[in-house]
Amino acid sequence: MYLVQVLLPLADNDGNEFPEDALHGIQAELHKLFGGLTAYTRAPAKGSWTHGGAEHKDDIVVIEVMAETLDKNWWRKFRMHLEEFLHQKKVVIRAQKIIAL
């Protein structure tokens, strides 16, 4: 079993917040495909990185789903879709193998 985390920014690169329904649509799609999810939305996480000598910051929410198998090709396509939809250079999606107790 795998835990897949999607780190979604709350705003575009110019600081304009995404409409709530856009993020809810992403959550609804994942819920439908994986039968449930956990979204950490109450206190956005703070992301920061350096690119081209400049520091960048994002407020993000983390969405987690559990999957029996890990279809890397599907997740890669989903990441590319999110990057285009949210106008991002990179959306982080990461997975780790877990043992459900």
PDB file of N, CA and C in Angstrom:
ATOM      1  N   MET A   1       0.849  -1.175   0.000  1.00  0.00           N
ATOM      2  CA  MET A   1       0.000   0.000   0.000  1.00  0.00           C
ATOM      3  C   MET A   1       0.891   1.233   0.000  1.00  0.00           C
ATOM      4  N   TYR A   2       0.382   2.298  -0.611  1.00  0.00           N
ATOM      5  CA  TYR A   2       1.137   3.540  -0.745  1.00  0.00           C
ATOM      6  C   TYR A   2       0.339   4.721  -0.208  1.00  0.00           C
ATOM      7  N   LEU A   3       1.058   5.662   0.363  1.00  0.00           N
ATOM      8  CA  LEU A   3       0.501   6.949   0.745  1.00  0.00           C
ATOM      9  C   LEU A   3       1.026   7.958  -0.267  1.00  0.00           C
ATOM     10  N   VAL A   4       0.116   8.588  -0.991  1.00  0.00           N
ATOM     11  CA  VAL A   4       0.493   9.570  -2.002  1.00  0.00           C
ATOM     12  C   VAL A   4       0.074  10.942  -1.496  1.00  0.00           C
ATOM     13  N   GLN A   5       1.014  11.863  -1.509  1.00  0.00           N
ATOM     14  CA  GLN A   5       0.756  13.233  -1.061  1.00  0.00           C
ATOM     15  C   GLN A   5       0.873  14.184  -2.245  1.00  0.00           C
ATOM     16  N   VAL A   6      -0.122  15.045  -2.370  1.00  0.00           N
ATOM     17  CA  VAL A   6      -0.143  16.080  -3.400  1.00  0.00           C
ATOM     18  C   VAL A   6      -0.037  17.418  -2.680  1.00  0.00           C
ATOM     19  N   LEU A   7       0.997  18.191  -2.995  1.00  0.00           N
ATOM     20  CA  LEU A   7       1.192  19.498  -2.377  1.00  0.00           C
ATOM     21  C   LEU A   7       0.655  20.547  -3.343  1.00  0.00           C
ATOM     22  N   LEU A   8      -0.501  21.108  -2.992  1.00  0.00           N
ATOM     23  CA  LEU A   8      -1.181  22.050  -3.883  1.00  0.00           C
ATOM     24  C   LEU A   8      -1.011  23.485  -3.397  1.00  0.00           C
ATOM     25  N   PRO A   9      -0.538  24.366  -4.274  1.00  0.00           N
ATOM     26  CA  PRO A   9      -0.461  25.781  -3.907  1.00  0.00           C
ATOM     27  C   PRO A   9      -1.864  26.381  -3.850  1.00  0.00           C
ATOM     28  N   LEU A  10      -2.021  27.372  -3.006  1.00  0.00           N
ATOM     29  CA  LEU A  10      -3.316  28.046  -2.877  1.00  0.00           C
ATOM     30  C   LEU A  10      -3.445  29.257  -3.791  1.00  0.00           C
ATOM     31  N   ALA A  11      -2.323  29.650  -4.427  1.00  0.00           N
ATOM     32  CA  ALA A  11      -2.338  30.829  -5.296  1.00  0.00           C
ATOM     33  C   ALA A  11      -1.402  30.610  -6.473  1.00  0.00           C
ATOM     34  N   ASP A  12      -1.613  31.374  -7.517  1.00  0.00           N
ATOM     35  CA  ASP A  12      -0.729  31.283  -8.683  1.00  0.00           C
ATOM     36  C   ASP A  12       0.580  32.028  -8.399  1.00  0.00           C
ATOM     37  N   ASN A  13       1.455  32.067  -9.376  1.00  0.00           N
ATOM     38  CA  ASN A  13       2.773  32.673  -9.188  1.00  0.00           C
ATOM     39  C   ASN A  13       2.724  34.176  -8.969  1.00  0.00           C
ATOM     40  N   ASP A  14       1.599  34.817  -9.291  1.00  0.00           N
ATOM     41  CA  ASP A  14       1.444  36.250  -9.050  1.00  0.00           C
ATOM     42  C   ASP A  14       0.753  36.540  -7.722  1.00  0.00           C
ATOM     43  N   GLY A  15       0.441  35.476  -6.958  1.00  0.00           N
ATOM     44  CA  GLY A  15      -0.198  35.655  -5.661  1.00  0.00           C
ATOM     45  C   GLY A  15      -1.711  35.681  -5.700  1.00  0.00           C
ATOM     46  N   ASN A  16      -2.316  35.455  -6.868  1.00  0.00           N
ATOM     47  CA  ASN A  16      -3.775  35.422  -6.975  1.00  0.00           C
ATOM     48  C   ASN A  16      -4.296  34.075  -6.493  1.00  0.00           C
ATOM     49  N   GLU A  17      -5.151  34.107  -5.489  1.00  0.00           N
ATOM     50  CA  GLU A  17      -5.673  32.862  -4.936  1.00  0.00           C
ATOM     51  C   GLU A  17      -6.545  32.139  -5.953  1.00  0.00           C
ATOM     52  N   PHE A  18      -6.423  30.798  -5.954  1.00  0.00           N
ATOM     53  CA  PHE A  18      -7.268  29.996  -6.825  1.00  0.00           C
ATOM     54  C   PHE A  18      -8.685  29.978  -6.266  1.00  0.00           C
ATOM     55  N   PRO A  19      -9.688  29.918  -7.128  1.00  0.00           N
ATOM     56  CA  PRO A  19     -11.060  29.792  -6.637  1.00  0.00           C
ATOM     57  C   PRO A  19     -11.199  28.501  -5.824  1.00  0.00           C
ATOM     58  N   GLU A  20     -11.975  28.579  -4.765  1.00  0.00           N
ATOM     59  CA  GLU A  20     -12.163  27.410  -3.913  1.00  0.00           C
ATOM     60  C   GLU A  20     -12.666  26.201  -4.683  1.00  0.00           C
ATOM     61  N   ASP A  21     -13.537  26.432  -5.661  1.00  0.00           N
ATOM     62  CA  ASP A  21     -14.095  25.298  -6.400  1.00  0.00           C
ATOM     63  C   ASP A  21     -13.035  24.576  -7.228  1.00  0.00           C
ATOM     64  N   ALA A  22     -11.954  25.260  -7.620  1.00  0.00           N
ATOM     65  CA  ALA A  22     -10.881  24.599  -8.372  1.00  0.00           C
ATOM     66  C   ALA A  22     -10.197  23.557  -7.499  1.00  0.00           C
ATOM     67  N   LEU A  23      -9.873  23.933  -6.266  1.00  0.00           N
ATOM     68  CA  LEU A  23      -9.220  22.990  -5.356  1.00  0.00           C
ATOM     69  C   LEU A  23     -10.183  21.897  -4.910  1.00  0.00           C
ATOM     70  N   HIS A  24     -11.444  22.253  -4.725  1.00  0.00           N
ATOM     71  CA  HIS A  24     -12.441  21.247  -4.356  1.00  0.00           C
ATOM     72  C   HIS A  24     -12.628  20.244  -5.491  1.00  0.00           C
ATOM     73  N   GLY A  25     -12.541  20.706  -6.739  1.00  0.00           N
ATOM     74  CA  GLY A  25     -12.661  19.810  -7.880  1.00  0.00           C
ATOM     75  C   GLY A  25     -11.542  18.785  -7.921  1.00  0.00           C
ATOM     76  N   ILE A  26     -10.323  19.216  -7.596  1.00  0.00           N
ATOM     77  CA  ILE A  26      -9.181  18.303  -7.540  1.00  0.00           C
ATOM     78  C   ILE A  26      -9.410  17.273  -6.441  1.00  0.00           C
ATOM     79  N   GLN A  27      -9.860  17.733  -5.287  1.00  0.00           N
ATOM     80  CA  GLN A  27     -10.136  16.815  -4.171  1.00  0.00           C
ATOM     81  C   GLN A  27     -11.244  15.836  -4.543  1.00  0.00           C
ATOM     82  N   ALA A  28     -12.293  16.317  -5.195  1.00  0.00           N
ATOM     83  CA  ALA A  28     -13.404  15.437  -5.578  1.00  0.00           C
ATOM     84  C   ALA A  28     -12.940  14.356  -6.543  1.00  0.00           C
ATOM     85  N   GLU A  29     -12.079  14.734  -7.484  1.00  0.00           N
ATOM     86  CA  GLU A  29     -11.567  13.754  -8.446  1.00  0.00           C
ATOM     87  C   GLU A  29     -10.764  12.658  -7.743  1.00  0.00           C
ATOM     88  N   LEU A  30      -9.887  13.054  -6.827  1.00  0.00           N
ATOM     89  CA  LEU A  30      -9.085  12.068  -6.106  1.00  0.00           C
ATOM     90  C   LEU A  30      -9.961  11.202  -5.199  1.00  0.00           C
ATOM     91  N   HIS A  31     -10.947  11.821  -4.565  1.00  0.00           N
ATOM     92  CA  HIS A  31     -11.858  11.062  -3.700  1.00  0.00           C
ATOM     93  C   HIS A  31     -12.583   9.991  -4.506  1.00  0.00           C
ATOM     94  N   LYS A  32     -13.069  10.368  -5.668  1.00  0.00           N
ATOM     95  CA  LYS A  32     -13.799   9.429  -6.521  1.00  0.00           C
ATOM     96  C   LYS A  32     -12.899   8.272  -6.966  1.00  0.00           C
ATOM     97  N   LEU A  33     -11.670   8.584  -7.332  1.00  0.00           N
ATOM     98  CA  LEU A  33     -10.758   7.562  -7.840  1.00  0.00           C
ATOM     99  C   LEU A  33     -10.214   6.632  -6.758  1.00  0.00           C
ATOM    100  N   PHE A  34      -9.993   7.172  -5.552  1.00  0.00           N
ATOM    101  CA  PHE A  34      -9.337   6.386  -4.510  1.00  0.00           C
ATOM    102  C   PHE A  34     -10.234   6.065  -3.319  1.00  0.00           C
ATOM    103  N   GLY A  35     -11.476   6.505  -3.356  1.00  0.00           N
ATOM    104  CA  GLY A  35     -12.425   6.138  -2.311  1.00  0.00           C
ATOM    105  C   GLY A  35     -12.315   6.949  -1.042  1.00  0.00           C
ATOM    106  N   GLY A  36     -11.493   7.968  -1.033  1.00  0.00           N
ATOM    107  CA  GLY A  36     -11.353   8.821   0.140  1.00  0.00           C
ATOM    108  C   GLY A  36     -10.043   9.575   0.083  1.00  0.00           C
ATOM    109  N   LEU A  37      -9.899  10.535   0.975  1.00  0.00           N
ATOM    110  CA  LEU A  37      -8.661  11.303   1.063  1.00  0.00           C
ATOM    111  C   LEU A  37      -8.635  12.060   2.372  1.00  0.00           C
ATOM    112  N   THR A  38      -7.476  12.586   2.685  1.00  0.00           N
ATOM    113  CA  THR A  38      -7.322  13.507   3.801  1.00  0.00           C
ATOM    114  C   THR A  38      -6.728  14.784   3.231  1.00  0.00           C
ATOM    115  N   ALA A  39      -7.356  15.922   3.533  1.00  0.00           N
ATOM    116  CA  ALA A  39      -6.852  17.212   3.077  1.00  0.00           C
ATOM    117  C   ALA A  39      -6.536  18.067   4.297  1.00  0.00           C
ATOM    118  N   TYR A  40      -5.316  18.504   4.404  1.00  0.00           N
ATOM    119  CA  TYR A  40      -4.890  19.366   5.500  1.00  0.00           C
ATOM    120  C   TYR A  40      -5.083  20.816   5.044  1.00  0.00           C
ATOM    121  N   THR A  41      -6.235  21.378   5.396  1.00  0.00           N
ATOM    122  CA  THR A  41      -6.622  22.683   4.867  1.00  0.00           C
ATOM    123  C   THR A  41      -6.773  23.768   5.927  1.00  0.00           C
ATOM    124  N   ARG A  42      -6.789  23.429   7.183  1.00  0.00           N
ATOM    125  CA  ARG A  42      -7.091  24.438   8.207  1.00  0.00           C
ATOM    126  C   ARG A  42      -5.968  25.440   8.414  1.00  0.00           C
ATOM    127  N   ALA A  43      -4.751  24.987   8.392  1.00  0.00           N
ATOM    128  CA  ALA A  43      -3.612  25.886   8.541  1.00  0.00           C
ATOM    129  C   ALA A  43      -2.657  25.579   7.395  1.00  0.00           C
ATOM    130  N   PRO A  44      -2.715  26.361   6.337  1.00  0.00           N
ATOM    131  CA  PRO A  44      -1.856  26.038   5.193  1.00  0.00           C
ATOM    132  C   PRO A  44      -0.392  25.913   5.594  1.00  0.00           C
ATOM    133  N   ALA A  45       0.268  24.971   4.984  1.00  0.00           N
ATOM    134  CA  ALA A  45       1.707  24.821   5.179  1.00  0.00           C
ATOM    135  C   ALA A  45       2.413  25.915   4.385  1.00  0.00           C
ATOM    136  N   LYS A  46       3.602  26.231   4.795  1.00  0.00           N
ATOM    137  CA  LYS A  46       4.400  27.250   4.114  1.00  0.00           C
ATOM    138  C   LYS A  46       5.527  26.545   3.371  1.00  0.00           C
ATOM    139  N   GLY A  47       5.591  26.766   2.067  1.00  0.00           N
ATOM    140  CA  GLY A  47       6.676  26.216   1.269  1.00  0.00           C
ATOM    141  C   GLY A  47       7.598  27.335   0.825  1.00  0.00           C
ATOM    142  N   SER A  48       8.890  27.042   0.740  1.00  0.00           N
ATOM    143  CA  SER A  48       9.832  28.024   0.214  1.00  0.00           C
ATOM    144  C   SER A  48      10.941  27.293  -0.522  1.00  0.00           C
ATOM    145  N   TRP A  49      11.464  27.921  -1.565  1.00  0.00           N
ATOM    146  CA  TRP A  49      12.545  27.353  -2.347  1.00  0.00           C
ATOM    147  C   TRP A  49      13.266  28.483  -3.051  1.00  0.00           C
ATOM    148  N   THR A  50      14.467  28.183  -3.524  1.00  0.00           N
ATOM    149  CA  THR A  50      15.256  29.162  -4.268  1.00  0.00           C
ATOM    150  C   THR A  50      15.362  28.695  -5.707  1.00  0.00           C
ATOM    151  N   HIS A  51      15.078  29.611  -6.626  1.00  0.00           N
ATOM    152  CA  HIS A  51      15.179  29.318  -8.055  1.00  0.00           C
ATOM    153  C   HIS A  51      15.716  30.554  -8.755  1.00  0.00           C
ATOM    154  N   GLY A  52      16.767  30.381  -9.536  1.00  0.00           N
ATOM    155  CA  GLY A  52      17.350  31.510 -10.253  1.00  0.00           C
ATOM    156  C   GLY A  52      17.866  32.595  -9.336  1.00  0.00           C
ATOM    157  N   GLY A  53      18.323  32.202  -8.148  1.00  0.00           N
ATOM    158  CA  GLY A  53      18.867  33.167  -7.204  1.00  0.00           C
ATOM    159  C   GLY A  53      17.834  33.909  -6.380  1.00  0.00           C
ATOM    160  N   ALA A  54      16.545  33.649  -6.628  1.00  0.00           N
ATOM    161  CA  ALA A  54      15.482  34.336  -5.883  1.00  0.00           C
ATOM    162  C   ALA A  54      14.734  33.339  -5.003  1.00  0.00           C
ATOM    163  N   GLU A  55      14.330  33.784  -3.832  1.00  0.00           N
ATOM    164  CA  GLU A  55      13.546  32.945  -2.939  1.00  0.00           C
ATOM    165  C   GLU A  55      12.068  33.100  -3.280  1.00  0.00           C
ATOM    166  N   HIS A  56      11.369  31.981  -3.326  1.00  0.00           N
ATOM    167  CA  HIS A  56       9.938  31.952  -3.607  1.00  0.00           C
ATOM    168  C   HIS A  56       9.229  31.290  -2.424  1.00  0.00           C
ATOM    169  N   LYS A  57       7.975  31.684  -2.221  1.00  0.00           N
ATOM    170  CA  LYS A  57       7.182  31.130  -1.115  1.00  0.00           C
ATOM    171  C   LYS A  57       5.781  30.814  -1.604  1.00  0.00           C
ATOM    172  N   ASP A  58       5.191  29.785  -1.011  1.00  0.00           N
ATOM    173  CA  ASP A  58       3.824  29.370  -1.311  1.00  0.00           C
ATOM    174  C   ASP A  58       3.114  28.984  -0.034  1.00  0.00           C
ATOM    175  N   ASP A  59       1.826  29.248   0.012  1.00  0.00           N
ATOM    176  CA  ASP A  59       0.958  28.593   0.989  1.00  0.00           C
ATOM    177  C   ASP A  59       0.390  27.387   0.267  1.00  0.00           C
ATOM    178  N   ILE A  60       0.444  26.224   0.919  1.00  0.00           N
ATOM    179  CA  ILE A  60      -0.016  24.997   0.274  1.00  0.00           C
ATOM    180  C   ILE A  60      -0.947  24.223   1.188  1.00  0.00           C
ATOM    181  N   VAL A  61      -1.735  23.373   0.573  1.00  0.00           N
ATOM    182  CA  VAL A  61      -2.474  22.355   1.303  1.00  0.00           C
ATOM    183  C   VAL A  61      -1.910  21.010   0.861  1.00  0.00           C
ATOM    184  N   VAL A  62      -1.957  20.068   1.756  1.00  0.00           N
ATOM    185  CA  VAL A  62      -1.484  18.718   1.463  1.00  0.00           C
ATOM    186  C   VAL A  62      -2.696  17.813   1.387  1.00  0.00           C
ATOM    187  N   ILE A  63      -2.794  17.097   0.282  1.00  0.00           N
ATOM    188  CA  ILE A  63      -3.865  16.116   0.102  1.00  0.00           C
ATOM    189  C   ILE A  63      -3.216  14.746   0.081  1.00  0.00           C
ATOM    190  N   GLU A  64      -3.743  13.825   0.875  1.00  0.00           N
ATOM    191  CA  GLU A  64      -3.210  12.469   0.934  1.00  0.00           C
ATOM    192  C   GLU A  64      -4.264  11.466   0.501  1.00  0.00           C
ATOM    193  N   VAL A  65      -3.819  10.491  -0.287  1.00  0.00           N
ATOM    194  CA  VAL A  65      -4.669   9.351  -0.611  1.00  0.00           C
ATOM    195  C   VAL A  65      -3.857   8.087  -0.369  1.00  0.00           C
ATOM    196  N   MET A  66      -4.565   7.007  -0.073  1.00  0.00           N
ATOM    197  CA  MET A  66      -3.934   5.702   0.065  1.00  0.00           C
ATOM    198  C   MET A  66      -4.332   4.870  -1.144  1.00  0.00           C
ATOM    199  N   ALA A  67      -3.333   4.191  -1.722  1.00  0.00           N
ATOM    200  CA  ALA A  67      -3.567   3.396  -2.922  1.00  0.00           C
ATOM    201  C   ALA A  67      -2.911   2.030  -2.753  1.00  0.00           C
ATOM    202  N   GLU A  68      -3.615   1.003  -3.220  1.00  0.00           N
ATOM    203  CA  GLU A  68      -3.069  -0.355  -3.141  1.00  0.00           C
ATOM    204  C   GLU A  68      -1.817  -0.502  -3.992  1.00  0.00           C
ATOM    205  N   THR A  69      -1.827   0.104  -5.173  1.00  0.00           N
ATOM    206  CA  THR A  69      -0.690   0.050  -6.083  1.00  0.00           C
ATOM    207  C   THR A  69      -0.309   1.471  -6.466  1.00  0.00           C
ATOM    208  N   LEU A  70       0.875   1.617  -7.038  1.00  0.00           N
ATOM    209  CA  LEU A  70       1.348   2.937  -7.434  1.00  0.00           C
ATOM    210  C   LEU A  70       1.548   2.950  -8.942  1.00  0.00           C
ATOM    211  N   ASP A  71       0.632   3.615  -9.627  1.00  0.00           N
ATOM    212  CA  ASP A  71       0.704   3.752 -11.077  1.00  0.00           C
ATOM    213  C   ASP A  71       1.465   5.049 -11.377  1.00  0.00           C
ATOM    214  N   LYS A  72       2.791   4.931 -11.500  1.00  0.00           N
ATOM    215  CA  LYS A  72       3.636   6.122 -11.672  1.00  0.00           C
ATOM    216  C   LYS A  72       3.271   6.909 -12.925  1.00  0.00           C
ATOM    217  N   ASN A  73       2.914   6.216 -13.987  1.00  0.00           N
ATOM    218  CA  ASN A  73       2.546   6.898 -15.225  1.00  0.00           C
ATOM    219  C   ASN A  73       1.291   7.755 -15.026  1.00  0.00           C
ATOM    220  N   TRP A  74       0.275   7.205 -14.345  1.00  0.00           N
ATOM    221  CA  TRP A  74      -0.950   7.965 -14.098  1.00  0.00           C
ATOM    222  C   TRP A  74      -0.652   9.193 -13.243  1.00  0.00           C
ATOM    223  N   TRP A  75       0.136   9.013 -12.192  1.00  0.00           N
ATOM    224  CA  TRP A  75       0.460  10.136 -11.308  1.00  0.00           C
ATOM    225  C   TRP A  75       1.282  11.193 -12.030  1.00  0.00           C
ATOM    226  N   ARG A  76       2.188  10.780 -12.917  1.00  0.00           N
ATOM    227  CA  ARG A  76       2.980  11.735 -13.691  1.00  0.00           C
ATOM    228  C   ARG A  76       2.068  12.582 -14.578  1.00  0.00           C
ATOM    229  N   LYS A  77       1.105  11.920 -15.245  1.00  0.00           N
ATOM    230  CA  LYS A  77       0.152  12.650 -16.087  1.00  0.00           C
ATOM    231  C   LYS A  77      -0.721  13.579 -15.247  1.00  0.00           C
ATOM    232  N   PHE A  78      -1.156  13.110 -14.084  1.00  0.00           N
ATOM    233  CA  PHE A  78      -1.971  13.933 -13.189  1.00  0.00           C
ATOM    234  C   PHE A  78      -1.179  15.162 -12.740  1.00  0.00           C
ATOM    235  N   ARG A  79       0.108  14.973 -12.407  1.00  0.00           N
ATOM    236  CA  ARG A  79       0.956  16.101 -12.005  1.00  0.00           C
ATOM    237  C   ARG A  79       1.068  17.115 -13.139  1.00  0.00           C
ATOM    238  N   MET A  80       1.293  16.628 -14.362  1.00  0.00           N
ATOM    239  CA  MET A  80       1.410  17.541 -15.504  1.00  0.00           C
ATOM    240  C   MET A  80       0.098  18.285 -15.743  1.00  0.00           C
ATOM    241  N   HIS A  81      -1.032  17.594 -15.553  1.00  0.00           N
ATOM    242  CA  HIS A  81      -2.341  18.257 -15.668  1.00  0.00           C
ATOM    243  C   HIS A  81      -2.469  19.369 -14.624  1.00  0.00           C
ATOM    244  N   LEU A  82      -2.090  19.075 -13.383  1.00  0.00           N
ATOM    245  CA  LEU A  82      -2.185  20.088 -12.327  1.00  0.00           C
ATOM    246  C   LEU A  82      -1.280  21.278 -12.622  1.00  0.00           C
ATOM    247  N   GLU A  83      -0.074  21.010 -13.118  1.00  0.00           N
ATOM    248  CA  GLU A  83       0.846  22.104 -13.430  1.00  0.00           C
ATOM    249  C   GLU A  83       0.253  23.026 -14.494  1.00  0.00           C
ATOM    250  N   GLU A  84      -0.380  22.441 -15.485  1.00  0.00           N
ATOM    251  CA  GLU A  84      -1.011  23.260 -16.528  1.00  0.00           C
ATOM    252  C   GLU A  84      -2.236  23.986 -15.989  1.00  0.00           C
ATOM    253  N   PHE A  85      -3.091  23.263 -15.282  1.00  0.00           N
ATOM    254  CA  PHE A  85      -4.331  23.823 -14.746  1.00  0.00           C
ATOM    255  C   PHE A  85      -4.059  24.959 -13.755  1.00  0.00           C
ATOM    256  N   LEU A  86      -3.037  24.793 -12.919  1.00  0.00           N
ATOM    257  CA  LEU A  86      -2.732  25.774 -11.881  1.00  0.00           C
ATOM    258  C   LEU A  86      -1.618  26.743 -12.293  1.00  0.00           C
ATOM    259  N   HIS A  87      -1.142  26.623 -13.519  1.00  0.00           N
ATOM    260  CA  HIS A  87      -0.095  27.503 -14.037  1.00  0.00           C
ATOM    261  C   HIS A  87       1.139  27.497 -13.131  1.00  0.00           C
ATOM    262  N   GLN A  88       1.615  26.290 -12.849  1.00  0.00           N
ATOM    263  CA  GLN A  88       2.776  26.108 -11.984  1.00  0.00           C
ATOM    264  C   GLN A  88       3.918  25.469 -12.762  1.00  0.00           C
ATOM    265  N   LYS A  89       5.143  25.848 -12.431  1.00  0.00           N
ATOM    266  CA  LYS A  89       6.297  25.186 -13.038  1.00  0.00           C
ATOM    267  C   LYS A  89       6.419  23.761 -12.529  1.00  0.00           C
ATOM    268  N   LYS A  90       6.088  23.556 -11.265  1.00  0.00           N
ATOM    269  CA  LYS A  90       6.208  22.225 -10.675  1.00  0.00           C
ATOM    270  C   LYS A  90       5.198  22.065  -9.552  1.00  0.00           C
ATOM    271  N   VAL A  91       4.448  20.978  -9.588  1.00  0.00           N
ATOM    272  CA  VAL A  91       3.596  20.564  -8.479  1.00  0.00           C
ATOM    273  C   VAL A  91       4.242  19.303  -7.914  1.00  0.00           C
ATOM    274  N   VAL A  92       4.417  19.264  -6.609  1.00  0.00           N
ATOM    275  CA  VAL A  92       5.056  18.116  -5.982  1.00  0.00           C
ATOM    276  C   VAL A  92       4.000  17.066  -5.647  1.00  0.00           C
ATOM    277  N   ILE A  93       4.244  15.871  -6.143  1.00  0.00           N
ATOM    278  CA  ILE A  93       3.464  14.693  -5.752  1.00  0.00           C
ATOM    279  C   ILE A  93       4.494  13.655  -5.324  1.00  0.00           C
ATOM    280  N   ARG A  94       4.339  13.149  -4.128  1.00  0.00           N
ATOM    281  CA  ARG A  94       5.303  12.172  -3.625  1.00  0.00           C
ATOM    282  C   ARG A  94       4.563  10.985  -3.035  1.00  0.00           C
ATOM    283  N   ALA A  95       5.247   9.856  -3.023  1.00  0.00           N
ATOM    284  CA  ALA A  95       4.624   8.629  -2.531  1.00  0.00           C
ATOM    285  C   ALA A  95       5.603   7.878  -1.644  1.00  0.00           C
ATOM    286  N   GLN A  96       5.039   7.167  -0.699  1.00  0.00           N
ATOM    287  CA  GLN A  96       5.863   6.298   0.131  1.00  0.00           C
ATOM    288  C   GLN A  96       5.103   5.022   0.398  1.00  0.00           C
ATOM    289  N   LYS A  97       5.827   3.952   0.453  1.00  0.00           N
ATOM    290  CA  LYS A  97       5.234   2.670   0.754  1.00  0.00           C
ATOM    291  C   LYS A  97       4.893   2.644   2.238  1.00  0.00           C
ATOM    292  N   ILE A  98       3.703   2.141   2.556  1.00  0.00           N
ATOM    293  CA  ILE A  98       3.279   2.102   3.959  1.00  0.00           C
ATOM    294  C   ILE A  98       2.764   0.706   4.306  1.00  0.00           C
ATOM    295  N   ILE A  99       2.725   0.455   5.570  1.00  0.00           N
ATOM    296  CA  ILE A  99       2.103  -0.753   6.097  1.00  0.00           C
ATOM    297  C   ILE A  99       0.921  -0.289   6.920  1.00  0.00           C
ATOM    298  N   ALA A 100      -0.290  -0.615   6.475  1.00  0.00           N
ATOM    299  CA  ALA A 100      -1.488  -0.236   7.239  1.00  0.00           C
ATOM    300  C   ALA A 100      -1.621  -1.197   8.418  1.00  0.00           C
ATOM    301  N   LEU A 101      -1.743  -0.665   9.600  1.00  0.00           N
ATOM    302  CA  LEU A 101      -1.837  -1.488  10.813  1.00  0.00           C
ATOM    303  C   LEU A 101      -3.269  -1.643  11.255  1.00  0.00           C
TER     304      LEU A 101
END
